[in-house]
Amino acid sequence: GHPLLEKVNDAITAMKKDGTMAAIHKKWFGVDPEAGTSTVAPGPIPQ
């Protein structure tokens, strides 16, 4: 994999946990993301 993959995934996971991703979603789409979706729920890196 790419040498930055783990760092980027960790940053995205942190953004999901602290609500940043949900805030970005609401700003751009005008609604809160659905709970449990990949926008707000951390998960494994797709292969």
PDB file of N, CA and C in Angstrom:
ATOM      1  N   GLY A   1       0.808  -1.187   0.000  1.00  0.00           N
ATOM      2  CA  GLY A   1       0.000   0.000   0.000  1.00  0.00           C
ATOM      3  C   GLY A   1       0.855   1.256   0.000  1.00  0.00           C
ATOM      4  N   HIS A   2       0.212   2.353  -0.142  1.00  0.00           N
ATOM      5  CA  HIS A   2       0.883   3.651  -0.165  1.00  0.00           C
ATOM      6  C   HIS A   2       1.428   3.979   1.222  1.00  0.00           C
ATOM      7  N   PRO A   3       2.612   4.590   1.302  1.00  0.00           N
ATOM      8  CA  PRO A   3       3.200   4.889   2.613  1.00  0.00           C
ATOM      9  C   PRO A   3       2.375   5.846   3.479  1.00  0.00           C
ATOM     10  N   LEU A   4       1.505   6.648   2.880  1.00  0.00           N
ATOM     11  CA  LEU A   4       0.686   7.581   3.661  1.00  0.00           C
ATOM     12  C   LEU A   4      -0.696   7.028   4.007  1.00  0.00           C
ATOM     13  N   LEU A   5      -1.020   5.840   3.531  1.00  0.00           N
ATOM     14  CA  LEU A   5      -2.366   5.290   3.710  1.00  0.00           C
ATOM     15  C   LEU A   5      -2.783   5.242   5.178  1.00  0.00           C
ATOM     16  N   GLU A   6      -1.923   4.726   6.036  1.00  0.00           N
ATOM     17  CA  GLU A   6      -2.290   4.602   7.448  1.00  0.00           C
ATOM     18  C   GLU A   6      -2.489   5.976   8.092  1.00  0.00           C
ATOM     19  N   LYS A   7      -1.623   6.948   7.768  1.00  0.00           N
ATOM     20  CA  LYS A   7      -1.756   8.286   8.343  1.00  0.00           C
ATOM     21  C   LYS A   7      -3.051   8.960   7.886  1.00  0.00           C
ATOM     22  N   VAL A   8      -3.376   8.822   6.606  1.00  0.00           N
ATOM     23  CA  VAL A   8      -4.606   9.422   6.085  1.00  0.00           C
ATOM     24  C   VAL A   8      -5.821   8.751   6.719  1.00  0.00           C
ATOM     25  N   ASN A   9      -5.810   7.426   6.805  1.00  0.00           N
ATOM     26  CA  ASN A   9      -6.934   6.718   7.408  1.00  0.00           C
ATOM     27  C   ASN A   9      -7.104   7.112   8.875  1.00  0.00           C
ATOM     28  N   ASP A  10      -5.988   7.258   9.597  1.00  0.00           N
ATOM     29  CA  ASP A  10      -6.069   7.682  11.005  1.00  0.00           C
ATOM     30  C   ASP A  10      -6.680   9.081  11.122  1.00  0.00           C
ATOM     31  N   ALA A  11      -6.304   9.975  10.214  1.00  0.00           N
ATOM     32  CA  ALA A  11      -6.850  11.338  10.235  1.00  0.00           C
ATOM     33  C   ALA A  11      -8.349  11.327   9.949  1.00  0.00           C
ATOM     34  N   ILE A  12      -8.774  10.533   8.973  1.00  0.00           N
ATOM     35  CA  ILE A  12     -10.204  10.439   8.648  1.00  0.00           C
ATOM     36  C   ILE A  12     -10.974   9.835   9.816  1.00  0.00           C
ATOM     37  N   THR A  13     -10.414   8.800  10.437  1.00  0.00           N
ATOM     38  CA  THR A  13     -11.063   8.183  11.596  1.00  0.00           C
ATOM     39  C   THR A  13     -11.225   9.201  12.723  1.00  0.00           C
ATOM     40  N   ALA A  14     -10.196  10.007  12.976  1.00  0.00           N
ATOM     41  CA  ALA A  14     -10.284  11.041  14.016  1.00  0.00           C
ATOM     42  C   ALA A  14     -11.366  12.055  13.673  1.00  0.00           C
ATOM     43  N   MET A  15     -11.471  12.430  12.398  1.00  0.00           N
ATOM     44  CA  MET A  15     -12.493  13.391  11.963  1.00  0.00           C
ATOM     45  C   MET A  15     -13.895  12.815  12.135  1.00  0.00           C
ATOM     46  N   LYS A  16     -14.047  11.520  11.927  1.00  0.00           N
ATOM     47  CA  LYS A  16     -15.348  10.883  12.139  1.00  0.00           C
ATOM     48  C   LYS A  16     -15.694  10.885  13.623  1.00  0.00           C
ATOM     49  N   LYS A  17     -14.713  10.575  14.458  1.00  0.00           N
ATOM     50  CA  LYS A  17     -14.955  10.488  15.903  1.00  0.00           C
ATOM     51  C   LYS A  17     -15.245  11.841  16.539  1.00  0.00           C
ATOM     52  N   ASP A  18     -14.599  12.908  16.046  1.00  0.00           N
ATOM     53  CA  ASP A  18     -14.810  14.218  16.678  1.00  0.00           C
ATOM     54  C   ASP A  18     -15.925  15.042  16.036  1.00  0.00           C
ATOM     55  N   GLY A  19     -16.592  14.464  15.027  1.00  0.00           N
ATOM     56  CA  GLY A  19     -17.737  15.130  14.418  1.00  0.00           C
ATOM     57  C   GLY A  19     -17.419  16.012  13.223  1.00  0.00           C
ATOM     58  N   THR A  20     -16.148  16.123  12.861  1.00  0.00           N
ATOM     59  CA  THR A  20     -15.765  16.969  11.735  1.00  0.00           C
ATOM     60  C   THR A  20     -16.386  16.478  10.431  1.00  0.00           C
ATOM     61  N   MET A  21     -16.356  15.178  10.197  1.00  0.00           N
ATOM     62  CA  MET A  21     -16.918  14.644   8.945  1.00  0.00           C
ATOM     63  C   MET A  21     -18.420  14.916   8.868  1.00  0.00           C
ATOM     64  N   ALA A  22     -19.126  14.766   9.979  1.00  0.00           N
ATOM     65  CA  ALA A  22     -20.562  15.046   9.991  1.00  0.00           C
ATOM     66  C   ALA A  22     -20.827  16.521   9.698  1.00  0.00           C
ATOM     67  N   ALA A  23     -19.993  17.403  10.248  1.00  0.00           N
ATOM     68  CA  ALA A  23     -20.165  18.843  10.008  1.00  0.00           C
ATOM     69  C   ALA A  23     -19.919  19.188   8.544  1.00  0.00           C
ATOM     70  N   ILE A  24     -18.909  18.579   7.937  1.00  0.00           N
ATOM     71  CA  ILE A  24     -18.632  18.807   6.513  1.00  0.00           C
ATOM     72  C   ILE A  24     -19.804  18.314   5.670  1.00  0.00           C
ATOM     73  N   HIS A  25     -20.326  17.142   6.003  1.00  0.00           N
ATOM     74  CA  HIS A  25     -21.467  16.579   5.276  1.00  0.00           C
ATOM     75  C   HIS A  25     -22.657  17.526   5.351  1.00  0.00           C
ATOM     76  N   LYS A  26     -22.948  18.019   6.560  1.00  0.00           N
ATOM     77  CA  LYS A  26     -24.094  18.919   6.721  1.00  0.00           C
ATOM     78  C   LYS A  26     -23.882  20.217   5.946  1.00  0.00           C
ATOM     79  N   LYS A  27     -22.661  20.748   5.962  1.00  0.00           N
ATOM     80  CA  LYS A  27     -22.373  21.987   5.236  1.00  0.00           C
ATOM     81  C   LYS A  27     -22.634  21.811   3.743  1.00  0.00           C
ATOM     82  N   TRP A  28     -22.174  20.723   3.167  1.00  0.00           N
ATOM     83  CA  TRP A  28     -22.253  20.543   1.718  1.00  0.00           C
ATOM     84  C   TRP A  28     -23.582  19.976   1.241  1.00  0.00           C
ATOM     85  N   PHE A  29     -24.229  19.145   2.065  1.00  0.00           N
ATOM     86  CA  PHE A  29     -25.468  18.505   1.622  1.00  0.00           C
ATOM     87  C   PHE A  29     -26.717  19.038   2.313  1.00  0.00           C
ATOM     88  N   GLY A  30     -26.549  19.875   3.343  1.00  0.00           N
ATOM     89  CA  GLY A  30     -27.682  20.502   4.000  1.00  0.00           C
ATOM     90  C   GLY A  30     -28.433  19.633   4.988  1.00  0.00           C
ATOM     91  N   VAL A  31     -27.958  18.422   5.205  1.00  0.00           N
ATOM     92  CA  VAL A  31     -28.592  17.507   6.159  1.00  0.00           C
ATOM     93  C   VAL A  31     -27.507  16.757   6.922  1.00  0.00           C
ATOM     94  N   ASP A  32     -27.870  16.297   8.115  1.00  0.00           N
ATOM     95  CA  ASP A  32     -26.939  15.466   8.874  1.00  0.00           C
ATOM     96  C   ASP A  32     -26.802  14.107   8.196  1.00  0.00           C
ATOM     97  N   PRO A  33     -25.617  13.496   8.258  1.00  0.00           N
ATOM     98  CA  PRO A  33     -25.473  12.152   7.700  1.00  0.00           C
ATOM     99  C   PRO A  33     -26.234  11.145   8.558  1.00  0.00           C
ATOM    100  N   GLU A  34     -26.663  10.071   7.943  1.00  0.00           N
ATOM    101  CA  GLU A  34     -27.362   9.030   8.694  1.00  0.00           C
ATOM    102  C   GLU A  34     -26.383   8.323   9.618  1.00  0.00           C
ATOM    103  N   ALA A  35     -26.838   8.034  10.830  1.00  0.00           N
ATOM    104  CA  ALA A  35     -26.000   7.328  11.797  1.00  0.00           C
ATOM    105  C   ALA A  35     -25.596   5.964  11.243  1.00  0.00           C
ATOM    106  N   GLY A  36     -24.378   5.580  11.506  1.00  0.00           N
ATOM    107  CA  GLY A  36     -23.907   4.264  11.094  1.00  0.00           C
ATOM    108  C   GLY A  36     -23.376   4.191   9.676  1.00  0.00           C
ATOM    109  N   THR A  37     -23.499   5.276   8.908  1.00  0.00           N
ATOM    110  CA  THR A  37     -22.979   5.252   7.544  1.00  0.00           C
ATOM    111  C   THR A  37     -21.469   5.473   7.557  1.00  0.00           C
ATOM    112  N   SER A  38     -20.829   5.212   6.433  1.00  0.00           N
ATOM    113  CA  SER A  38     -19.376   5.358   6.349  1.00  0.00           C
ATOM    114  C   SER A  38     -18.926   6.804   6.523  1.00  0.00           C
ATOM    115  N   THR A  39     -19.844   7.746   6.418  1.00  0.00           N
ATOM    116  CA  THR A  39     -19.488   9.153   6.637  1.00  0.00           C
ATOM    117  C   THR A  39     -19.138   9.406   8.098  1.00  0.00           C
ATOM    118  N   VAL A  40     -19.765   8.699   9.005  1.00  0.00           N
ATOM    119  CA  VAL A  40     -19.559   8.954  10.431  1.00  0.00           C
ATOM    120  C   VAL A  40     -19.027   7.761  11.219  1.00  0.00           C
ATOM    121  N   ALA A  41     -19.095   6.567  10.672  1.00  0.00           N
ATOM    122  CA  ALA A  41     -18.656   5.372  11.387  1.00  0.00           C
ATOM    123  C   ALA A  41     -17.291   4.911  10.877  1.00  0.00           C
ATOM    124  N   PRO A  42     -16.275   4.911  11.751  1.00  0.00           N
ATOM    125  CA  PRO A  42     -14.969   4.410  11.322  1.00  0.00           C
ATOM    126  C   PRO A  42     -15.066   2.947  10.914  1.00  0.00           C
ATOM    127  N   GLY A  43     -14.259   2.572   9.948  1.00  0.00           N
ATOM    128  CA  GLY A  43     -14.260   1.193   9.487  1.00  0.00           C
ATOM    129  C   GLY A  43     -12.930   0.834   8.866  1.00  0.00           C
ATOM    130  N   PRO A  44     -12.805  -0.405   8.433  1.00  0.00           N
ATOM    131  CA  PRO A  44     -11.551  -0.840   7.822  1.00  0.00           C
ATOM    132  C   PRO A  44     -11.320  -0.161   6.473  1.00  0.00           C
ATOM    133  N   ILE A  45     -10.072  -0.106   6.080  1.00  0.00           N
ATOM    134  CA  ILE A  45      -9.710   0.458   4.782  1.00  0.00           C
ATOM    135  C   ILE A  45     -10.187  -0.499   3.694  1.00  0.00           C
ATOM    136  N   PRO A  46     -10.955  -0.010   2.716  1.00  0.00           N
ATOM    137  CA  PRO A  46     -11.382  -0.887   1.617  1.00  0.00           C
ATOM    138  C   PRO A  46     -10.170  -1.405   0.847  1.00  0.00           C
ATOM    139  N   GLN A  47     -10.241  -2.622   0.430  1.00  0.00           N
ATOM    140  CA  GLN A  47      -9.134  -3.231  -0.327  1.00  0.00           C
ATOM    141  C   GLN A  47      -9.439  -3.282  -1.794  1.00  0.00           C
TER     142      GLN A  47
END
